[in-house]
Amino acid sequence: MTCMTGLRQRNALDCEMCKLAVKSADGDADKDTNDIKKDFDAKCKKAFHSIQFAPRECEHYVDKKLDPIIKELESGTSPKDVCTKLGECS
């Protein structure tokens, strides 16, 4: 049971990080990818500061998951659909 609870918490965290990433990346066509990454990393660490492993998770999210989010937005995927399409939210 603990494993399932941990998995649900992990999935919820991934979903919230994805939503935050979409907010960081959407709406400012003048931002380059590095600016988006810096902006997300700062917002992520601030939003999830109470979680012990959050700084590491935020950096991992920047390195592994932010580029696909940006690509989805650039290809015209609606911001509200990006996280579901990428499997971060159900």
PDB file of N, CA and C in Angstrom:
ATOM      1  N   MET A   1       0.820  -1.184   0.000  1.00  0.00           N
ATOM      2  CA  MET A   1       0.000   0.000   0.000  1.00  0.00           C
ATOM      3  C   MET A   1       0.874   1.261   0.000  1.00  0.00           C
ATOM      4  N   THR A   2       1.950   1.261   0.764  1.00  0.00           N
ATOM      5  CA  THR A   2       2.840   2.420   0.823  1.00  0.00           C
ATOM      6  C   THR A   2       3.420   2.729  -0.554  1.00  0.00           C
ATOM      7  N   CYS A   3       3.746   1.698  -1.302  1.00  0.00           N
ATOM      8  CA  CYS A   3       4.301   1.881  -2.634  1.00  0.00           C
ATOM      9  C   CYS A   3       3.297   2.593  -3.541  1.00  0.00           C
ATOM     10  N   MET A   4       2.040   2.189  -3.481  1.00  0.00           N
ATOM     11  CA  MET A   4       1.018   2.818  -4.308  1.00  0.00           C
ATOM     12  C   MET A   4       0.802   4.274  -3.895  1.00  0.00           C
ATOM     13  N   THR A   5       0.811   4.533  -2.604  1.00  0.00           N
ATOM     14  CA  THR A   5       0.658   5.901  -2.123  1.00  0.00           C
ATOM     15  C   THR A   5       1.833   6.745  -2.602  1.00  0.00           C
ATOM     16  N   GLY A   6       3.033   6.221  -2.506  1.00  0.00           N
ATOM     17  CA  GLY A   6       4.214   6.930  -2.984  1.00  0.00           C
ATOM     18  C   GLY A   6       4.148   7.191  -4.480  1.00  0.00           C
ATOM     19  N   LEU A   7       3.652   6.220  -5.232  1.00  0.00           N
ATOM     20  CA  LEU A   7       3.511   6.370  -6.675  1.00  0.00           C
ATOM     21  C   LEU A   7       2.484   7.453  -7.002  1.00  0.00           C
ATOM     22  N   ARG A   8       1.371   7.455  -6.282  1.00  0.00           N
ATOM     23  CA  ARG A   8       0.349   8.485  -6.501  1.00  0.00           C
ATOM     24  C   ARG A   8       0.903   9.872  -6.186  1.00  0.00           C
ATOM     25  N   GLN A   9       1.659   9.965  -5.104  1.00  0.00           N
ATOM     26  CA  GLN A   9       2.259  11.257  -4.748  1.00  0.00           C
ATOM     27  C   GLN A   9       3.251  11.703  -5.819  1.00  0.00           C
ATOM     28  N   ARG A  10       4.020  10.762  -6.328  1.00  0.00           N
ATOM     29  CA  ARG A  10       4.994  11.058  -7.373  1.00  0.00           C
ATOM     30  C   ARG A  10       4.290  11.534  -8.643  1.00  0.00           C
ATOM     31  N   ASN A  11       3.217  10.831  -9.021  1.00  0.00           N
ATOM     32  CA  ASN A  11       2.461  11.223 -10.209  1.00  0.00           C
ATOM     33  C   ASN A  11       1.838  12.605 -10.030  1.00  0.00           C
ATOM     34  N   ALA A  12       1.331  12.877  -8.832  1.00  0.00           N
ATOM     35  CA  ALA A  12       0.743  14.190  -8.555  1.00  0.00           C
ATOM     36  C   ALA A  12       1.813  15.280  -8.643  1.00  0.00           C
ATOM     37  N   LEU A  13       3.001  15.008  -8.146  1.00  0.00           N
ATOM     38  CA  LEU A  13       4.097  15.974  -8.211  1.00  0.00           C
ATOM     39  C   LEU A  13       4.501  16.218  -9.667  1.00  0.00           C
ATOM     40  N   ASP A  14       4.620  15.149 -10.451  1.00  0.00           N
ATOM     41  CA  ASP A  14       4.957  15.300 -11.869  1.00  0.00           C
ATOM     42  C   ASP A  14       3.911  16.141 -12.587  1.00  0.00           C
ATOM     43  N   CYS A  15       2.647  15.911 -12.273  1.00  0.00           N
ATOM     44  CA  CYS A  15       1.563  16.665 -12.890  1.00  0.00           C
ATOM     45  C   CYS A  15       1.657  18.146 -12.516  1.00  0.00           C
ATOM     46  N   GLU A  16       1.874  18.435 -11.255  1.00  0.00           N
ATOM     47  CA  GLU A  16       1.982  19.834 -10.819  1.00  0.00           C
ATOM     48  C   GLU A  16       3.208  20.514 -11.422  1.00  0.00           C
ATOM     49  N   MET A  17       4.312  19.778 -11.521  1.00  0.00           N
ATOM     50  CA  MET A  17       5.517  20.345 -12.141  1.00  0.00           C
ATOM     51  C   MET A  17       5.260  20.629 -13.622  1.00  0.00           C
ATOM     52  N   CYS A  18       4.541  19.742 -14.278  1.00  0.00           N
ATOM     53  CA  CYS A  18       4.228  19.942 -15.690  1.00  0.00           C
ATOM     54  C   CYS A  18       3.373  21.195 -15.872  1.00  0.00           C
ATOM     55  N   LYS A  19       2.354  21.339 -15.051  1.00  0.00           N
ATOM     56  CA  LYS A  19       1.497  22.528 -15.147  1.00  0.00           C
ATOM     57  C   LYS A  19       2.306  23.804 -14.937  1.00  0.00           C
ATOM     58  N   LEU A  20       3.217  23.769 -13.989  1.00  0.00           N
ATOM     59  CA  LEU A  20       4.076  24.921 -13.735  1.00  0.00           C
ATOM     60  C   LEU A  20       4.989  25.187 -14.935  1.00  0.00           C
ATOM     61  N   ALA A  21       5.492  24.126 -15.535  1.00  0.00           N
ATOM     62  CA  ALA A  21       6.356  24.266 -16.713  1.00  0.00           C
ATOM     63  C   ALA A  21       5.588  24.879 -17.880  1.00  0.00           C
ATOM     64  N   VAL A  22       4.357  24.451 -18.074  1.00  0.00           N
ATOM     65  CA  VAL A  22       3.530  25.016 -19.146  1.00  0.00           C
ATOM     66  C   VAL A  22       3.323  26.507 -18.907  1.00  0.00           C
ATOM     67  N   LYS A  23       3.034  26.877 -17.673  1.00  0.00           N
ATOM     68  CA  LYS A  23       2.857  28.301 -17.351  1.00  0.00           C
ATOM     69  C   LYS A  23       4.139  29.089 -17.617  1.00  0.00           C
ATOM     70  N   SER A  24       5.283  28.484 -17.317  1.00  0.00           N
ATOM     71  CA  SER A  24       6.563  29.167 -17.535  1.00  0.00           C
ATOM     72  C   SER A  24       6.869  29.326 -19.016  1.00  0.00           C
ATOM     73  N   ALA A  25       6.465  28.349 -19.820  1.00  0.00           N
ATOM     74  CA  ALA A  25       6.826  28.340 -21.238  1.00  0.00           C
ATOM     75  C   ALA A  25       5.793  29.018 -22.132  1.00  0.00           C
ATOM     76  N   ASP A  26       4.560  29.077 -21.699  1.00  0.00           N
ATOM     77  CA  ASP A  26       3.489  29.574 -22.555  1.00  0.00           C
ATOM     78  C   ASP A  26       3.351  31.090 -22.486  1.00  0.00           C
ATOM     79  N   GLY A  27       3.048  31.677 -23.631  1.00  0.00           N
ATOM     80  CA  GLY A  27       2.636  33.071 -23.640  1.00  0.00           C
ATOM     81  C   GLY A  27       3.716  34.105 -23.860  1.00  0.00           C
ATOM     82  N   ASP A  28       4.962  33.714 -23.898  1.00  0.00           N
ATOM     83  CA  ASP A  28       6.014  34.697 -24.125  1.00  0.00           C
ATOM     84  C   ASP A  28       6.921  34.214 -25.249  1.00  0.00           C
ATOM     85  N   ALA A  29       6.558  34.577 -26.449  1.00  0.00           N
ATOM     86  CA  ALA A  29       7.288  34.122 -27.629  1.00  0.00           C
ATOM     87  C   ALA A  29       8.715  34.651 -27.679  1.00  0.00           C
ATOM     88  N   ASP A  30       8.991  35.717 -26.922  1.00  0.00           N
ATOM     89  CA  ASP A  30      10.328  36.312 -26.942  1.00  0.00           C
ATOM     90  C   ASP A  30      11.331  35.571 -26.055  1.00  0.00           C
ATOM     91  N   LYS A  31      10.830  34.723 -25.162  1.00  0.00           N
ATOM     92  CA  LYS A  31      11.730  33.982 -24.269  1.00  0.00           C
ATOM     93  C   LYS A  31      12.437  32.879 -25.046  1.00  0.00           C
ATOM     94  N   ASP A  32      13.742  32.752 -24.833  1.00  0.00           N
ATOM     95  CA  ASP A  32      14.423  31.612 -25.425  1.00  0.00           C
ATOM     96  C   ASP A  32      14.382  30.448 -24.433  1.00  0.00           C
ATOM     97  N   THR A  33      14.777  29.286 -24.893  1.00  0.00           N
ATOM     98  CA  THR A  33      14.671  28.071 -24.092  1.00  0.00           C
ATOM     99  C   THR A  33      15.426  28.189 -22.776  1.00  0.00           C
ATOM    100  N   ASN A  34      16.599  28.771 -22.796  1.00  0.00           N
ATOM    101  CA  ASN A  34      17.374  28.900 -21.557  1.00  0.00           C
ATOM    102  C   ASN A  34      16.670  29.788 -20.539  1.00  0.00           C
ATOM    103  N   ASP A  35      16.045  30.864 -21.011  1.00  0.00           N
ATOM    104  CA  ASP A  35      15.287  31.732 -20.098  1.00  0.00           C
ATOM    105  C   ASP A  35      14.098  31.000 -19.510  1.00  0.00           C
ATOM    106  N   ILE A  36      13.422  30.209 -20.328  1.00  0.00           N
ATOM    107  CA  ILE A  36      12.284  29.416 -19.854  1.00  0.00           C
ATOM    108  C   ILE A  36      12.755  28.427 -18.795  1.00  0.00           C
ATOM    109  N   LYS A  37      13.870  27.764 -19.052  1.00  0.00           N
ATOM    110  CA  LYS A  37      14.401  26.789 -18.103  1.00  0.00           C
ATOM    111  C   LYS A  37      14.773  27.443 -16.770  1.00  0.00           C
ATOM    112  N   LYS A  38      15.439  28.593 -16.832  1.00  0.00           N
ATOM    113  CA  LYS A  38      15.811  29.303 -15.598  1.00  0.00           C
ATOM    114  C   LYS A  38      14.564  29.744 -14.835  1.00  0.00           C
ATOM    115  N   ASP A  39      13.588  30.267 -15.565  1.00  0.00           N
ATOM    116  CA  ASP A  39      12.341  30.730 -14.954  1.00  0.00           C
ATOM    117  C   ASP A  39      11.615  29.566 -14.276  1.00  0.00           C
ATOM    118  N   PHE A  40      11.496  28.440 -14.989  1.00  0.00           N
ATOM    119  CA  PHE A  40      10.828  27.279 -14.407  1.00  0.00           C
ATOM    120  C   PHE A  40      11.579  26.768 -13.185  1.00  0.00           C
ATOM    121  N   ASP A  41      12.890  26.649 -13.281  1.00  0.00           N
ATOM    122  CA  ASP A  41      13.675  26.117 -12.167  1.00  0.00           C
ATOM    123  C   ASP A  41      13.463  26.964 -10.904  1.00  0.00           C
ATOM    124  N   ALA A  42      13.488  28.270 -11.057  1.00  0.00           N
ATOM    125  CA  ALA A  42      13.276  29.163  -9.902  1.00  0.00           C
ATOM    126  C   ALA A  42      11.864  29.015  -9.341  1.00  0.00           C
ATOM    127  N   LYS A  43      10.863  29.011 -10.230  1.00  0.00           N
ATOM    128  CA  LYS A  43       9.473  28.873  -9.778  1.00  0.00           C
ATOM    129  C   LYS A  43       9.229  27.511  -9.141  1.00  0.00           C
ATOM    130  N   CYS A  44       9.819  26.478  -9.716  1.00  0.00           N
ATOM    131  CA  CYS A  44       9.650  25.118  -9.205  1.00  0.00           C
ATOM    132  C   CYS A  44      10.225  24.996  -7.795  1.00  0.00           C
ATOM    133  N   LYS A  45      11.436  25.466  -7.620  1.00  0.00           N
ATOM    134  CA  LYS A  45      12.076  25.370  -6.304  1.00  0.00           C
ATOM    135  C   LYS A  45      11.311  26.175  -5.262  1.00  0.00           C
ATOM    136  N   LYS A  46      10.746  27.301  -5.674  1.00  0.00           N
ATOM    137  CA  LYS A  46       9.957  28.112  -4.741  1.00  0.00           C
ATOM    138  C   LYS A  46       8.640  27.411  -4.398  1.00  0.00           C
ATOM    139  N   ALA A  47       7.974  26.864  -5.418  1.00  0.00           N
ATOM    140  CA  ALA A  47       6.659  26.238  -5.210  1.00  0.00           C
ATOM    141  C   ALA A  47       6.745  24.963  -4.381  1.00  0.00           C
ATOM    142  N   PHE A  48       7.825  24.217  -4.546  1.00  0.00           N
ATOM    143  CA  PHE A  48       7.927  22.913  -3.893  1.00  0.00           C
ATOM    144  C   PHE A  48       9.029  22.870  -2.836  1.00  0.00           C
ATOM    145  N   HIS A  49       9.369  24.029  -2.278  1.00  0.00           N
ATOM    146  CA  HIS A  49      10.472  24.115  -1.319  1.00  0.00           C
ATOM    147  C   HIS A  49      10.283  23.232  -0.084  1.00  0.00           C
ATOM    148  N   SER A  50       9.059  22.927   0.251  1.00  0.00           N
ATOM    149  CA  SER A  50       8.813  22.133   1.463  1.00  0.00           C
ATOM    150  C   SER A  50       9.069  20.641   1.262  1.00  0.00           C
ATOM    151  N   ILE A  51       9.272  20.228   0.020  1.00  0.00           N
ATOM    152  CA  ILE A  51       9.562  18.818  -0.274  1.00  0.00           C
ATOM    153  C   ILE A  51      11.074  18.654  -0.293  1.00  0.00           C
ATOM    154  N   GLN A  52      11.561  17.713   0.494  1.00  0.00           N
ATOM    155  CA  GLN A  52      13.000  17.548   0.695  1.00  0.00           C
ATOM    156  C   GLN A  52      13.788  17.399  -0.609  1.00  0.00           C
ATOM    157  N   PHE A  53      13.290  16.612  -1.544  1.00  0.00           N
ATOM    158  CA  PHE A  53      14.037  16.325  -2.768  1.00  0.00           C
ATOM    159  C   PHE A  53      13.652  17.247  -3.928  1.00  0.00           C
ATOM    160  N   ALA A  54      12.871  18.277  -3.674  1.00  0.00           N
ATOM    161  CA  ALA A  54      12.367  19.146  -4.737  1.00  0.00           C
ATOM    162  C   ALA A  54      13.454  19.824  -5.573  1.00  0.00           C
ATOM    163  N   PRO A  55      14.509  20.380  -4.975  1.00  0.00           N
ATOM    164  CA  PRO A  55      15.512  21.021  -5.833  1.00  0.00           C
ATOM    165  C   PRO A  55      16.086  20.070  -6.884  1.00  0.00           C
ATOM    166  N   ARG A  56      16.357  18.847  -6.482  1.00  0.00           N
ATOM    167  CA  ARG A  56      16.882  17.846  -7.422  1.00  0.00           C
ATOM    168  C   ARG A  56      15.828  17.499  -8.475  1.00  0.00           C
ATOM    169  N   GLU A  57      14.580  17.366  -8.050  1.00  0.00           N
ATOM    170  CA  GLU A  57      13.500  17.039  -8.982  1.00  0.00           C
ATOM    171  C   GLU A  57      13.270  18.176  -9.972  1.00  0.00           C
ATOM    172  N   CYS A  58      13.352  19.398  -9.516  1.00  0.00           N
ATOM    173  CA  CYS A  58      13.185  20.539 -10.412  1.00  0.00           C
ATOM    174  C   CYS A  58      14.281  20.541 -11.481  1.00  0.00           C
ATOM    175  N   GLU A  59      15.513  20.301 -11.074  1.00  0.00           N
ATOM    176  CA  GLU A  59      16.620  20.246 -12.031  1.00  0.00           C
ATOM    177  C   GLU A  59      16.440  19.098 -13.013  1.00  0.00           C
ATOM    178  N   HIS A  60      15.991  17.947 -12.519  1.00  0.00           N
ATOM    179  CA  HIS A  60      15.721  16.801 -13.392  1.00  0.00           C
ATOM    180  C   HIS A  60      14.627  17.159 -14.399  1.00  0.00           C
ATOM    181  N   TYR A  61      13.601  17.834 -13.941  1.00  0.00           N
ATOM    182  CA  TYR A  61      12.503  18.209 -14.826  1.00  0.00           C
ATOM    183  C   TYR A  61      12.999  19.141 -15.919  1.00  0.00           C
ATOM    184  N   VAL A  62      13.850  20.092 -15.566  1.00  0.00           N
ATOM    185  CA  VAL A  62      14.427  21.004 -16.557  1.00  0.00           C
ATOM    186  C   VAL A  62      15.228  20.210 -17.588  1.00  0.00           C
ATOM    187  N   ASP A  63      16.058  19.284 -17.114  1.00  0.00           N
ATOM    188  CA  ASP A  63      16.950  18.537 -18.007  1.00  0.00           C
ATOM    189  C   ASP A  63      16.213  17.544 -18.904  1.00  0.00           C
ATOM    190  N   LYS A  64      15.185  16.913 -18.385  1.00  0.00           N
ATOM    191  CA  LYS A  64      14.566  15.793 -19.106  1.00  0.00           C
ATOM    192  C   LYS A  64      13.191  16.080 -19.695  1.00  0.00           C
ATOM    193  N   LYS A  65      12.429  16.965 -19.103  1.00  0.00           N
ATOM    194  CA  LYS A  65      11.017  17.047 -19.495  1.00  0.00           C
ATOM    195  C   LYS A  65      10.572  18.399 -20.032  1.00  0.00           C
ATOM    196  N   LEU A  66      11.365  19.427 -19.870  1.00  0.00           N
ATOM    197  CA  LEU A  66      10.927  20.747 -20.297  1.00  0.00           C
ATOM    198  C   LEU A  66      10.939  20.901 -21.823  1.00  0.00           C
ATOM    199  N   ASP A  67      11.929  20.345 -22.501  1.00  0.00           N
ATOM    200  CA  ASP A  67      11.989  20.467 -23.961  1.00  0.00           C
ATOM    201  C   ASP A  67      10.754  19.887 -24.653  1.00  0.00           C
ATOM    202  N   PRO A  68      10.293  18.680 -24.274  1.00  0.00           N
ATOM    203  CA  PRO A  68       9.065  18.169 -24.914  1.00  0.00           C
ATOM    204  C   PRO A  68       7.846  19.066 -24.658  1.00  0.00           C
ATOM    205  N   ILE A  69       7.772  19.675 -23.485  1.00  0.00           N
ATOM    206  CA  ILE A  69       6.669  20.590 -23.183  1.00  0.00           C
ATOM    207  C   ILE A  69       6.728  21.803 -24.107  1.00  0.00           C
ATOM    208  N   ILE A  70       7.909  22.367 -24.252  1.00  0.00           N
ATOM    209  CA  ILE A  70       8.083  23.524 -25.140  1.00  0.00           C
ATOM    210  C   ILE A  70       7.722  23.151 -26.573  1.00  0.00           C
ATOM    211  N   LYS A  71       8.161  21.979 -27.020  1.00  0.00           N
ATOM    212  CA  LYS A  71       7.862  21.530 -28.390  1.00  0.00           C
ATOM    213  C   LYS A  71       6.354  21.370 -28.607  1.00  0.00           C
ATOM    214  N   GLU A  72       5.666  20.817 -27.614  1.00  0.00           N
ATOM    215  CA  GLU A  72       4.211  20.667 -27.724  1.00  0.00           C
ATOM    216  C   GLU A  72       3.538  22.033 -27.870  1.00  0.00           C
ATOM    217  N   LEU A  73       3.950  22.979 -27.057  1.00  0.00           N
ATOM    218  CA  LEU A  73       3.361  24.317 -27.136  1.00  0.00           C
ATOM    219  C   LEU A  73       3.662  24.964 -28.483  1.00  0.00           C
ATOM    220  N   GLU A  74       4.895  24.796 -28.965  1.00  0.00           N
ATOM    221  CA  GLU A  74       5.284  25.376 -30.253  1.00  0.00           C
ATOM    222  C   GLU A  74       4.521  24.743 -31.410  1.00  0.00           C
ATOM    223  N   SER A  75       4.149  23.461 -31.258  1.00  0.00           N
ATOM    224  CA  SER A  75       3.433  22.771 -32.335  1.00  0.00           C
ATOM    225  C   SER A  75       1.934  23.071 -32.325  1.00  0.00           C
ATOM    226  N   GLY A  76       1.499  23.855 -31.332  1.00  0.00           N
ATOM    227  CA  GLY A  76       0.105  24.265 -31.317  1.00  0.00           C
ATOM    228  C   GLY A  76      -0.786  23.524 -30.335  1.00  0.00           C
ATOM    229  N   THR A  77      -0.213  22.616 -29.547  1.00  0.00           N
ATOM    230  CA  THR A  77      -1.010  21.928 -28.537  1.00  0.00           C
ATOM    231  C   THR A  77      -1.484  22.951 -27.508  1.00  0.00           C
ATOM    232  N   SER A  78      -2.754  22.873 -27.165  1.00  0.00           N
ATOM    233  CA  SER A  78      -3.322  23.784 -26.177  1.00  0.00           C
ATOM    234  C   SER A  78      -2.606  23.601 -24.839  1.00  0.00           C
ATOM    235  N   PRO A  79      -2.289  24.701 -24.141  1.00  0.00           N
ATOM    236  CA  PRO A  79      -1.614  24.584 -22.840  1.00  0.00           C
ATOM    237  C   PRO A  79      -2.336  23.651 -21.863  1.00  0.00           C
ATOM    238  N   LYS A  80      -3.659  23.641 -21.889  1.00  0.00           N
ATOM    239  CA  LYS A  80      -4.388  22.783 -20.952  1.00  0.00           C
ATOM    240  C   LYS A  80      -4.284  21.296 -21.317  1.00  0.00           C
ATOM    241  N   ASP A  81      -3.842  20.985 -22.548  1.00  0.00           N
ATOM    242  CA  ASP A  81      -3.747  19.591 -22.994  1.00  0.00           C
ATOM    243  C   ASP A  81      -2.339  19.019 -22.970  1.00  0.00           C
ATOM    244  N   VAL A  82      -1.339  19.871 -22.829  1.00  0.00           N
ATOM    245  CA  VAL A  82       0.062  19.438 -22.938  1.00  0.00           C
ATOM    246  C   VAL A  82       0.409  18.341 -21.930  1.00  0.00           C
ATOM    247  N   CYS A  83       0.107  18.555 -20.670  1.00  0.00           N
ATOM    248  CA  CYS A  83       0.514  17.614 -19.623  1.00  0.00           C
ATOM    249  C   CYS A  83      -0.183  16.259 -19.755  1.00  0.00           C
ATOM    250  N   THR A  84      -1.433  16.278 -20.176  1.00  0.00           N
ATOM    251  CA  THR A  84      -2.152  15.023 -20.400  1.00  0.00           C
ATOM    252  C   THR A  84      -1.554  14.295 -21.599  1.00  0.00           C
ATOM    253  N   LYS A  85      -1.301  15.025 -22.663  1.00  0.00           N
ATOM    254  CA  LYS A  85      -0.740  14.423 -23.883  1.00  0.00           C
ATOM    255  C   LYS A  85       0.618  13.774 -23.619  1.00  0.00           C
ATOM    256  N   LEU A  86       1.419  14.393 -22.747  1.00  0.00           N
ATOM    257  CA  LEU A  86       2.749  13.863 -22.438  1.00  0.00           C
ATOM    258  C   LEU A  86       2.725  12.816 -21.319  1.00  0.00           C
ATOM    259  N   GLY A  87       1.546  12.523 -20.775  1.00  0.00           N
ATOM    260  CA  GLY A  87       1.426  11.491 -19.745  1.00  0.00           C
ATOM    261  C   GLY A  87       1.814  11.940 -18.354  1.00  0.00           C
ATOM    262  N   GLU A  88       1.940  13.250 -18.147  1.00  0.00           N
ATOM    263  CA  GLU A  88       2.305  13.763 -16.828  1.00  0.00           C
ATOM    264  C   GLU A  88       1.085  13.901 -15.914  1.00  0.00           C
ATOM    265  N   CYS A  89      -0.074  14.128 -16.512  1.00  0.00           N
ATOM    266  CA  CYS A  89      -1.333  14.228 -15.763  1.00  0.00           C
ATOM    267  C   CYS A  89      -2.342  13.279 -16.404  1.00  0.00           C
ATOM    268  N   SER A  90      -3.226  12.749 -15.571  1.00  0.00           N
ATOM    269  CA  SER A  90      -4.234  11.842 -16.150  1.00  0.00           C
ATOM    270  C   SER A  90      -5.551  12.539 -16.340  1.00  0.00           C
TER     271      SER A  90
END
